[in-house]
Amino acid sequence: MFKDRDDAAHQLADRLKAYSTQRPLVLAIPRGAVPIGKIVARQLGGDFDVVLVRKLRAPFEPEVAIGSVTENGWTYIAPYAAAVGADQDYIAEEKQKQMATIYSRRVQYTPIRAPIDPHGRVVIVVDDGLATGATMISALHSLRQRQPGKLVCAIPVASPEALEKIRPMADEVVCLLAPENFRAVGQFYRHFPQVDDEDVIALLAT
C-alpha cells in the first residue's frame, strides 16, 4: 500500500538508483504517472518528458481497455476485444477519438519544443500502475522503434497478468508490488486523486 503517488515515486526511485549516474530519460504516461515520473527523474538526475499513448475503451464500459494506440498510430488490440463487442468499425472510430486526444495533449503539453529523443539513451517508462497493461504495451512498442540504449519499465503496482504481458517488451521491469488480489490500481494507494491537464503542464514546465 502506498500513501500516495509521491510515496510510490520515492520507492521506485530508490529501486532505480543504479541509473543515477547515467542521466536517464524518464518518460511518464499521462496523466496519472506524471507526478511519479517527475520525482523519479529528479531523484535520478535524469531528463523528464511524457510518452503519449491512449487506451481504447470497451463499448459501454469506458474503464475497460480493449487495446491502446500510440502517437504515431500503432495500435494494440487485446485478444478479448471482440468478445466485449468491439468490432472493426467500433475500433476504427475509437482509435480516431483517442488519436485526437493525443494530438490535443501534445499541443498542450509541449507547445514550444519537440519530444526529447530517446535514441541511444537509458529510457525509463513510468506509470502509476498496470491493470491490463494495454497502454504500457503501446508505450514500450513505440519507444523500441526509436532505438533507446536500454528500455526500462518501472511501475509501483501491477496485476500479475499485466506484468507477464509487458516483461518481453522491456530490457528490465521494476515493479514494487504484483498482488494476486489485484482489482484496480487505486486499490493500492491511500490517496489517489485524479491528475488533470493543468497539473501535467505545470510539471513539464518546471
C-alpha atoms as a PDB file:
ATOM      1  CA  MET A   1       0.000   0.000   0.000  1.00  0.00           C
ATOM      2  CA  PHE A   2       1.339   3.442  -0.957  1.00  0.00           C
ATOM      3  CA  LYS A   3       0.410   6.664   0.820  1.00  0.00           C
ATOM      4  CA  ASP A   4       0.116   8.494  -2.488  1.00  0.00           C
ATOM      5  CA  ARG A   5       1.890   8.908  -5.825  1.00  0.00           C
ATOM      6  CA  ASP A   6       4.793  10.773  -4.189  1.00  0.00           C
ATOM      7  CA  ASP A   7       5.429   7.851  -1.840  1.00  0.00           C
ATOM      8  CA  ALA A   8       5.335   5.404  -4.752  1.00  0.00           C
ATOM      9  CA  ALA A   9       7.703   7.627  -6.743  1.00  0.00           C
ATOM     10  CA  HIS A  10      10.310   7.773  -3.988  1.00  0.00           C
ATOM     11  CA  GLN A  11      10.183   3.995  -3.538  1.00  0.00           C
ATOM     12  CA  LEU A  12      10.562   3.479  -7.290  1.00  0.00           C
ATOM     13  CA  ALA A  13      13.458   5.915  -7.475  1.00  0.00           C
ATOM     14  CA  ASP A  14      15.207   4.018  -4.700  1.00  0.00           C
ATOM     15  CA  ARG A  15      14.918   0.775  -6.698  1.00  0.00           C
ATOM     16  CA  LEU A  16      16.239   2.560  -9.806  1.00  0.00           C
ATOM     17  CA  LYS A  17      19.176   4.347  -8.166  1.00  0.00           C
ATOM     18  CA  ALA A  18      21.710   2.311 -10.173  1.00  0.00           C
ATOM     19  CA  TYR A  19      20.764   4.551 -13.122  1.00  0.00           C
ATOM     20  CA  SER A  20      21.528   7.794 -11.291  1.00  0.00           C
ATOM     21  CA  THR A  21      24.957   8.051 -12.942  1.00  0.00           C
ATOM     22  CA  GLN A  22      23.562   7.605 -16.471  1.00  0.00           C
ATOM     23  CA  ARG A  23      21.272  10.651 -16.813  1.00  0.00           C
ATOM     24  CA  PRO A  24      18.281   8.529 -17.829  1.00  0.00           C
ATOM     25  CA  LEU A  25      15.314   9.832 -19.780  1.00  0.00           C
ATOM     26  CA  VAL A  26      12.227   9.262 -17.625  1.00  0.00           C
ATOM     27  CA  LEU A  27       9.003   9.158 -19.628  1.00  0.00           C
ATOM     28  CA  ALA A  28       5.623   9.191 -17.899  1.00  0.00           C
ATOM     29  CA  ILE A  29       2.315   8.037 -19.364  1.00  0.00           C
ATOM     30  CA  PRO A  30      -0.165  10.899 -18.786  1.00  0.00           C
ATOM     31  CA  ARG A  31      -1.864  11.785 -16.770  1.00  0.00           C
ATOM     32  CA  GLY A  32      -1.602   9.774 -13.567  1.00  0.00           C
ATOM     33  CA  ALA A  33       2.063   8.848 -13.925  1.00  0.00           C
ATOM     34  CA  VAL A  34       3.338  12.384 -14.487  1.00  0.00           C
ATOM     35  CA  PRO A  35       3.805  13.302 -10.792  1.00  0.00           C
ATOM     36  CA  ILE A  36       5.626   9.983 -10.289  1.00  0.00           C
ATOM     37  CA  GLY A  37       7.850  10.442 -13.331  1.00  0.00           C
ATOM     38  CA  LYS A  38       8.807  13.960 -12.298  1.00  0.00           C
ATOM     39  CA  ILE A  39      10.041  12.784  -8.883  1.00  0.00           C
ATOM     40  CA  VAL A  40      11.851   9.752 -10.310  1.00  0.00           C
ATOM     41  CA  ALA A  41      13.655  11.936 -12.874  1.00  0.00           C
ATOM     42  CA  ARG A  42      14.676  14.435 -10.211  1.00  0.00           C
ATOM     43  CA  GLN A  43      15.918  11.732  -7.816  1.00  0.00           C
ATOM     44  CA  LEU A  44      17.970  10.077 -10.565  1.00  0.00           C
ATOM     45  CA  GLY A  45      19.315  13.300 -12.075  1.00  0.00           C
ATOM     46  CA  GLY A  46      17.627  12.487 -15.373  1.00  0.00           C
ATOM     47  CA  ASP A  47      15.568  14.271 -18.005  1.00  0.00           C
ATOM     48  CA  PHE A  48      11.774  14.183 -17.891  1.00  0.00           C
ATOM     49  CA  ASP A  49       9.097  14.038 -20.577  1.00  0.00           C
ATOM     50  CA  VAL A  50       5.868  12.248 -21.460  1.00  0.00           C
ATOM     51  CA  VAL A  51       5.132   9.382 -23.837  1.00  0.00           C
ATOM     52  CA  LEU A  52       1.676   9.830 -25.318  1.00  0.00           C
ATOM     53  CA  VAL A  53      -0.461   6.718 -25.633  1.00  0.00           C
ATOM     54  CA  ARG A  54      -4.175   6.212 -25.048  1.00  0.00           C
ATOM     55  CA  LYS A  55      -6.203   3.200 -24.119  1.00  0.00           C
ATOM     56  CA  LEU A  56      -9.017   2.122 -26.434  1.00  0.00           C
ATOM     57  CA  ARG A  57     -12.192   1.832 -24.401  1.00  0.00           C
ATOM     58  CA  ALA A  58     -14.621  -1.069 -24.461  1.00  0.00           C
ATOM     59  CA  PRO A  59     -18.137  -0.376 -25.764  1.00  0.00           C
ATOM     60  CA  PHE A  60     -20.415   0.671 -22.871  1.00  0.00           C
ATOM     61  CA  GLU A  61     -17.555   0.134 -20.368  1.00  0.00           C
ATOM     62  CA  PRO A  62     -15.125   3.041 -20.799  1.00  0.00           C
ATOM     63  CA  GLU A  63     -12.984   1.967 -17.843  1.00  0.00           C
ATOM     64  CA  VAL A  64     -12.165  -1.344 -19.534  1.00  0.00           C
ATOM     65  CA  ALA A  65      -9.270  -1.282 -22.027  1.00  0.00           C
ATOM     66  CA  ILE A  66      -9.631  -3.316 -25.211  1.00  0.00           C
ATOM     67  CA  GLY A  67      -6.278  -2.065 -26.506  1.00  0.00           C
ATOM     68  CA  SER A  68      -4.267   1.114 -26.971  1.00  0.00           C
ATOM     69  CA  VAL A  69      -2.860   3.446 -29.603  1.00  0.00           C
ATOM     70  CA  THR A  70       0.421   5.368 -29.828  1.00  0.00           C
ATOM     71  CA  GLU A  71       1.157   8.878 -31.024  1.00  0.00           C
ATOM     72  CA  ASN A  72       2.195   7.557 -34.446  1.00  0.00           C
ATOM     73  CA  GLY A  73      -0.947   5.437 -34.796  1.00  0.00           C
ATOM     74  CA  TRP A  74       0.377   1.963 -33.950  1.00  0.00           C
ATOM     75  CA  THR A  75      -2.447   0.006 -32.328  1.00  0.00           C
ATOM     76  CA  TYR A  76      -2.533  -2.885 -29.871  1.00  0.00           C
ATOM     77  CA  ILE A  77      -5.809  -4.828 -29.692  1.00  0.00           C
ATOM     78  CA  ALA A  78      -6.404  -7.208 -26.784  1.00  0.00           C
ATOM     79  CA  PRO A  79      -7.432 -10.784 -27.657  1.00  0.00           C
ATOM     80  CA  TYR A  80     -10.778 -10.360 -25.848  1.00  0.00           C
ATOM     81  CA  ALA A  81     -11.828  -7.175 -27.710  1.00  0.00           C
ATOM     82  CA  ALA A  82     -14.376  -8.894 -29.963  1.00  0.00           C
ATOM     83  CA  ALA A  83     -15.875 -10.758 -27.011  1.00  0.00           C
ATOM     84  CA  VAL A  84     -16.877  -7.460 -25.359  1.00  0.00           C
ATOM     85  CA  GLY A  85     -18.456  -6.101 -28.528  1.00  0.00           C
ATOM     86  CA  ALA A  86     -15.593  -4.211 -30.170  1.00  0.00           C
ATOM     87  CA  ASP A  87     -15.858  -4.925 -33.897  1.00  0.00           C
ATOM     88  CA  GLN A  88     -13.590  -3.388 -36.552  1.00  0.00           C
ATOM     89  CA  ASP A  89     -15.837  -0.372 -37.135  1.00  0.00           C
ATOM     90  CA  TYR A  90     -16.001   0.380 -33.420  1.00  0.00           C
ATOM     91  CA  ILE A  91     -12.226   0.043 -33.040  1.00  0.00           C
ATOM     92  CA  ALA A  92     -11.569   2.361 -36.003  1.00  0.00           C
ATOM     93  CA  GLU A  93     -13.873   5.026 -34.552  1.00  0.00           C
ATOM     94  CA  GLU A  94     -12.444   4.692 -31.039  1.00  0.00           C
ATOM     95  CA  LYS A  95      -8.900   4.887 -32.413  1.00  0.00           C
ATOM     96  CA  GLN A  96      -9.698   8.188 -34.158  1.00  0.00           C
ATOM     97  CA  LYS A  97     -11.143   9.629 -30.941  1.00  0.00           C
ATOM     98  CA  GLN A  98      -8.059   8.689 -28.931  1.00  0.00           C
ATOM     99  CA  MET A  99      -5.664   9.917 -31.619  1.00  0.00           C
ATOM    100  CA  ALA A 100      -7.436  13.299 -31.474  1.00  0.00           C
ATOM    101  CA  THR A 101      -6.889  13.362 -27.695  1.00  0.00           C
ATOM    102  CA  ILE A 102      -3.204  12.513 -28.164  1.00  0.00           C
ATOM    103  CA  TYR A 103      -2.787  15.338 -30.671  1.00  0.00           C
ATOM    104  CA  SER A 104      -4.548  17.787 -28.346  1.00  0.00           C
ATOM    105  CA  ARG A 105      -2.343  16.777 -25.422  1.00  0.00           C
ATOM    106  CA  ARG A 106       0.860  17.135 -27.429  1.00  0.00           C
ATOM    107  CA  VAL A 107      -0.179  20.678 -28.358  1.00  0.00           C
ATOM    108  CA  GLN A 108      -0.983  21.442 -24.709  1.00  0.00           C
ATOM    109  CA  TYR A 109       1.928  19.689 -23.035  1.00  0.00           C
ATOM    110  CA  THR A 110       4.934  20.582 -25.197  1.00  0.00           C
ATOM    111  CA  PRO A 111       3.818  23.517 -27.362  1.00  0.00           C
ATOM    112  CA  ILE A 112       7.251  25.050 -27.908  1.00  0.00           C
ATOM    113  CA  ARG A 113       9.505  22.012 -28.214  1.00  0.00           C
ATOM    114  CA  ALA A 114       9.676  18.547 -29.727  1.00  0.00           C
ATOM    115  CA  PRO A 115       9.577  15.427 -27.542  1.00  0.00           C
ATOM    116  CA  ILE A 116      13.003  14.505 -26.126  1.00  0.00           C
ATOM    117  CA  ASP A 117      14.743  11.980 -28.401  1.00  0.00           C
ATOM    118  CA  PRO A 118      15.221   8.592 -26.668  1.00  0.00           C
ATOM    119  CA  HIS A 119      17.735   7.298 -29.233  1.00  0.00           C
ATOM    120  CA  GLY A 120      20.731   5.638 -27.547  1.00  0.00           C
ATOM    121  CA  ARG A 121      19.655   6.594 -24.035  1.00  0.00           C
ATOM    122  CA  VAL A 122      18.606   4.705 -20.935  1.00  0.00           C
ATOM    123  CA  VAL A 123      14.832   5.238 -21.067  1.00  0.00           C
ATOM    124  CA  ILE A 124      12.652   4.565 -18.022  1.00  0.00           C
ATOM    125  CA  VAL A 125       8.920   4.412 -18.771  1.00  0.00           C
ATOM    126  CA  VAL A 126       6.756   5.068 -15.728  1.00  0.00           C
ATOM    127  CA  ASP A 127       3.071   4.537 -14.986  1.00  0.00           C
ATOM    128  CA  ASP A 128       1.213   4.691 -11.667  1.00  0.00           C
ATOM    129  CA  GLY A 129       0.121   1.075 -12.100  1.00  0.00           C
ATOM    130  CA  LEU A 130      -0.867  -1.556 -14.641  1.00  0.00           C
ATOM    131  CA  ALA A 131      -4.283  -3.198 -14.734  1.00  0.00           C
ATOM    132  CA  THR A 132      -4.415  -4.704 -18.228  1.00  0.00           C
ATOM    133  CA  GLY A 133      -1.010  -3.404 -19.361  1.00  0.00           C
ATOM    134  CA  ALA A 134      -2.523  -2.136 -22.628  1.00  0.00           C
ATOM    135  CA  THR A 135      -1.147   1.416 -22.569  1.00  0.00           C
ATOM    136  CA  MET A 136       2.294   0.260 -21.405  1.00  0.00           C
ATOM    137  CA  ILE A 137       2.444  -2.242 -24.283  1.00  0.00           C
ATOM    138  CA  SER A 138       1.940   0.588 -26.768  1.00  0.00           C
ATOM    139  CA  ALA A 139       4.369   2.889 -24.971  1.00  0.00           C
ATOM    140  CA  LEU A 140       7.153   0.291 -24.958  1.00  0.00           C
ATOM    141  CA  HIS A 141       6.495  -0.653 -28.572  1.00  0.00           C
ATOM    142  CA  SER A 142       6.649   2.958 -29.780  1.00  0.00           C
ATOM    143  CA  LEU A 143       9.848   3.645 -27.855  1.00  0.00           C
ATOM    144  CA  ARG A 144      11.582   0.469 -29.011  1.00  0.00           C
ATOM    145  CA  GLN A 145      11.211   1.772 -32.580  1.00  0.00           C
ATOM    146  CA  ARG A 146      13.230   4.842 -31.542  1.00  0.00           C
ATOM    147  CA  GLN A 147      16.236   2.665 -30.580  1.00  0.00           C
ATOM    148  CA  PRO A 148      16.933   3.505 -26.942  1.00  0.00           C
ATOM    149  CA  GLY A 149      20.166   2.217 -25.436  1.00  0.00           C
ATOM    150  CA  LYS A 150      18.159   0.424 -22.738  1.00  0.00           C
ATOM    151  CA  LEU A 151      14.405   0.311 -22.184  1.00  0.00           C
ATOM    152  CA  VAL A 152      13.181   0.004 -18.596  1.00  0.00           C
ATOM    153  CA  CYS A 153       9.575  -0.262 -17.427  1.00  0.00           C
ATOM    154  CA  ALA A 154       9.010   0.998 -13.867  1.00  0.00           C
ATOM    155  CA  ILE A 155       5.690   0.744 -12.029  1.00  0.00           C
ATOM    156  CA  PRO A 156       4.679   0.735  -8.373  1.00  0.00           C
ATOM    157  CA  VAL A 157       1.986  -1.939  -8.796  1.00  0.00           C
ATOM    158  CA  ALA A 158       0.657  -4.262 -11.486  1.00  0.00           C
ATOM    159  CA  SER A 159      -1.640  -7.211 -11.895  1.00  0.00           C
ATOM    160  CA  PRO A 160       0.395 -10.405 -12.356  1.00  0.00           C
ATOM    161  CA  GLU A 161      -1.214 -10.862 -15.796  1.00  0.00           C
ATOM    162  CA  ALA A 162      -0.220  -7.391 -16.994  1.00  0.00           C
ATOM    163  CA  LEU A 163       3.292  -7.892 -15.699  1.00  0.00           C
ATOM    164  CA  GLU A 164       3.739 -11.059 -17.737  1.00  0.00           C
ATOM    165  CA  LYS A 165       2.480  -9.308 -20.887  1.00  0.00           C
ATOM    166  CA  ILE A 166       4.964  -6.445 -20.693  1.00  0.00           C
ATOM    167  CA  ARG A 167       8.064  -8.316 -19.500  1.00  0.00           C
ATOM    168  CA  PRO A 168       9.169  -9.380 -23.009  1.00  0.00           C
ATOM    169  CA  MET A 169       8.867  -5.806 -24.280  1.00  0.00           C
ATOM    170  CA  ALA A 170      11.387  -4.159 -21.925  1.00  0.00           C
ATOM    171  CA  ASP A 171      15.038  -4.845 -21.151  1.00  0.00           C
ATOM    172  CA  GLU A 172      14.210  -4.573 -17.451  1.00  0.00           C
ATOM    173  CA  VAL A 173      10.964  -4.372 -15.487  1.00  0.00           C
ATOM    174  CA  VAL A 174      10.909  -2.868 -11.997  1.00  0.00           C
ATOM    175  CA  CYS A 175       7.624  -3.470 -10.170  1.00  0.00           C
ATOM    176  CA  LEU A 176       7.245  -2.971  -6.429  1.00  0.00           C
ATOM    177  CA  LEU A 177       4.003  -4.946  -5.991  1.00  0.00           C
ATOM    178  CA  ALA A 178       2.234  -7.608  -8.080  1.00  0.00           C
ATOM    179  CA  PRO A 179      -0.512  -8.874  -5.740  1.00  0.00           C
ATOM    180  CA  GLU A 180      -2.774 -11.792  -6.641  1.00  0.00           C
ATOM    181  CA  ASN A 181      -5.803  -9.881  -5.297  1.00  0.00           C
ATOM    182  CA  PHE A 182      -5.331  -7.009  -7.785  1.00  0.00           C
ATOM    183  CA  ARG A 183      -8.622  -5.375  -8.819  1.00  0.00           C
ATOM    184  CA  ALA A 184      -7.692  -1.770  -9.668  1.00  0.00           C
ATOM    185  CA  VAL A 185      -4.629   0.485  -9.454  1.00  0.00           C
ATOM    186  CA  GLY A 186      -6.285   2.855  -6.949  1.00  0.00           C
ATOM    187  CA  GLN A 187      -6.798  -0.045  -4.536  1.00  0.00           C
ATOM    188  CA  PHE A 188      -3.111   0.206  -3.564  1.00  0.00           C
ATOM    189  CA  TYR A 189      -2.990   3.955  -2.830  1.00  0.00           C
ATOM    190  CA  ARG A 190      -4.486   5.557   0.279  1.00  0.00           C
ATOM    191  CA  HIS A 191      -4.731   8.894  -1.547  1.00  0.00           C
ATOM    192  CA  PHE A 192      -5.250   8.647  -5.319  1.00  0.00           C
ATOM    193  CA  PRO A 193      -6.682  11.892  -6.733  1.00  0.00           C
ATOM    194  CA  GLN A 194      -7.184  12.467 -10.428  1.00  0.00           C
ATOM    195  CA  VAL A 195      -4.347  14.292 -12.210  1.00  0.00           C
ATOM    196  CA  ASP A 196      -5.611  16.936 -14.648  1.00  0.00           C
ATOM    197  CA  ASP A 197      -4.065  18.603 -17.688  1.00  0.00           C
ATOM    198  CA  GLU A 198      -3.106  21.708 -15.713  1.00  0.00           C
ATOM    199  CA  ASP A 199      -1.079  19.562 -13.308  1.00  0.00           C
ATOM    200  CA  VAL A 200       0.746  17.899 -16.213  1.00  0.00           C
ATOM    201  CA  ILE A 201       1.514  21.214 -17.917  1.00  0.00           C
ATOM    202  CA  ALA A 202       2.883  22.642 -14.653  1.00  0.00           C
ATOM    203  CA  LEU A 203       5.117  19.619 -14.004  1.00  0.00           C
ATOM    204  CA  LEU A 204       6.511  19.647 -17.550  1.00  0.00           C
ATOM    205  CA  ALA A 205       7.239  23.370 -17.327  1.00  0.00           C
ATOM    206  CA  THR A 206       9.382  23.151 -14.171  1.00  0.00           C
END
